[in-house]
Protein backbone atom coordinates (compact mmCIF):
# COMPACT_ATOMS: atom_id res chain seq x y z
CA MET A 1 -8.86 13.65 -4.47
CA ASN A 2 -12.32 14.07 -3.29
CA ARG A 3 -14.90 15.44 -5.90
CA ASP A 4 -17.85 15.69 -3.37
CA SER A 5 -20.65 18.04 -4.55
CA GLY A 6 -23.82 17.90 -1.69
CA SER A 7 -24.78 14.47 -1.06
CA PHE A 8 -23.26 13.66 -4.30
CA ARG A 9 -20.21 11.20 -3.47
CA GLY A 10 -17.28 11.62 -6.20
CA LYS A 11 -14.54 8.68 -6.67
CA ARG A 12 -11.18 9.20 -4.78
CA ARG A 13 -8.06 9.70 -6.21
CA ILE A 14 -4.33 9.16 -4.72
CA GLY A 15 -2.77 12.93 -5.94
CA GLY A 16 0.77 12.88 -4.87
CA GLY A 17 3.74 11.01 -6.02
CA ARG A 18 4.71 10.66 -9.51
CA LYS A 19 2.73 7.97 -11.82
CA PRO A 20 5.55 5.42 -13.25
CA VAL A 21 6.39 4.93 -9.14
CA ARG A 22 3.02 4.73 -8.00
CA ASP A 23 2.41 2.05 -11.00
CA VAL A 24 4.97 -0.11 -9.75
CA MET A 25 4.07 0.41 -6.24
CA TYR A 26 0.78 -0.91 -7.00
CA MET A 27 2.13 -4.23 -8.70
CA ALA A 28 4.29 -4.65 -5.67
CA ALA A 29 1.97 -4.39 -3.66
CA VAL A 30 -0.43 -6.71 -5.26
CA VAL A 31 2.24 -9.07 -5.39
CA ALA A 32 2.74 -8.64 -1.79
CA ILE A 33 -0.27 -9.49 -0.73
CA ARG A 34 -0.17 -12.68 -2.69
CA TRP A 35 2.84 -14.08 -1.53
CA ASN A 36 4.07 -12.38 1.52
CA LYS A 37 2.36 -13.44 4.69
CA ASP A 38 3.01 -10.39 6.52
CA MET A 39 1.36 -8.34 4.05
CA ALA A 40 -1.51 -10.38 3.24
CA ALA A 41 -2.62 -10.72 7.01
CA PHE A 42 -2.06 -6.39 6.89
CA TYR A 43 -4.61 -6.20 4.45
CA GLN A 44 -7.33 -8.77 5.32
CA ARG A 45 -7.01 -6.93 8.84
CA LEU A 46 -7.59 -3.72 6.69
CA LYS A 47 -10.22 -4.99 5.04
CA LYS A 48 -12.08 -6.46 7.79
CA ALA A 49 -12.06 -3.37 9.56
CA GLY A 50 -14.21 -2.34 6.58
CA LYS A 51 -11.51 0.00 4.60
CA PRO A 52 -12.53 0.00 0.45
CA PHE A 53 -9.69 -1.95 -1.85
CA LYS A 54 -8.02 1.49 -2.80
CA VAL A 55 -7.64 2.53 0.74
CA ALA A 56 -6.31 -1.14 2.02
CA ILE A 57 -3.72 -1.10 -1.14
CA THR A 58 -2.58 2.05 -0.36
CA ALA A 59 -1.78 1.26 2.49
CA VAL A 60 0.14 -1.57 1.80
CA MET A 61 2.26 0.28 -0.70
CA ARG A 62 3.15 2.89 1.76
CA LYS A 63 4.23 0.26 4.02
CA LEU A 64 6.34 -1.52 1.42
CA LEU A 65 7.71 2.13 0.56
CA ILE A 66 9.04 2.56 4.50
CA LEU A 67 10.45 -0.86 4.19
CA ALA A 68 12.74 -0.47 1.39
CA ASN A 69 13.69 3.35 2.63
CA THR A 70 14.82 1.49 6.04
CA LEU A 71 16.31 -1.35 4.30
CA LEU A 72 18.23 0.85 2.45
CA SER A 73 19.44 3.38 4.45
CA GLU A 74 20.20 0.66 7.06
CA ASN A 75 22.10 -1.22 4.43
CA ARG A 76 20.58 -4.57 5.14
CA LEU A 77 19.14 -6.93 2.78
CA TRP A 78 15.59 -8.11 3.26
CA SER A 79 14.71 -11.34 5.56
CA GLU A 80 11.23 -12.68 5.53
CA THR A 81 12.30 -13.71 9.58
CA GLN A 82 13.32 -11.40 11.84
CA PRO A 83 16.89 -10.97 12.30
């Protein structure tokens, strides 16, 4: 949510979703950036493109959610290598 007025630029916040889920996803994204080379490369690519920390971490959170939903819907286990 933007809190802008005239030339004043307010802080941005994530407004959607349940807070407990967002909290868990944030910590999962931080861990994934540190230990998963694909997520770390994705995060670094966003940062190099000039994205702010919150935008980049939120993109990693979303990528993790999509990955989890895909694994559940296809009844697969996580594997570092592609099948």
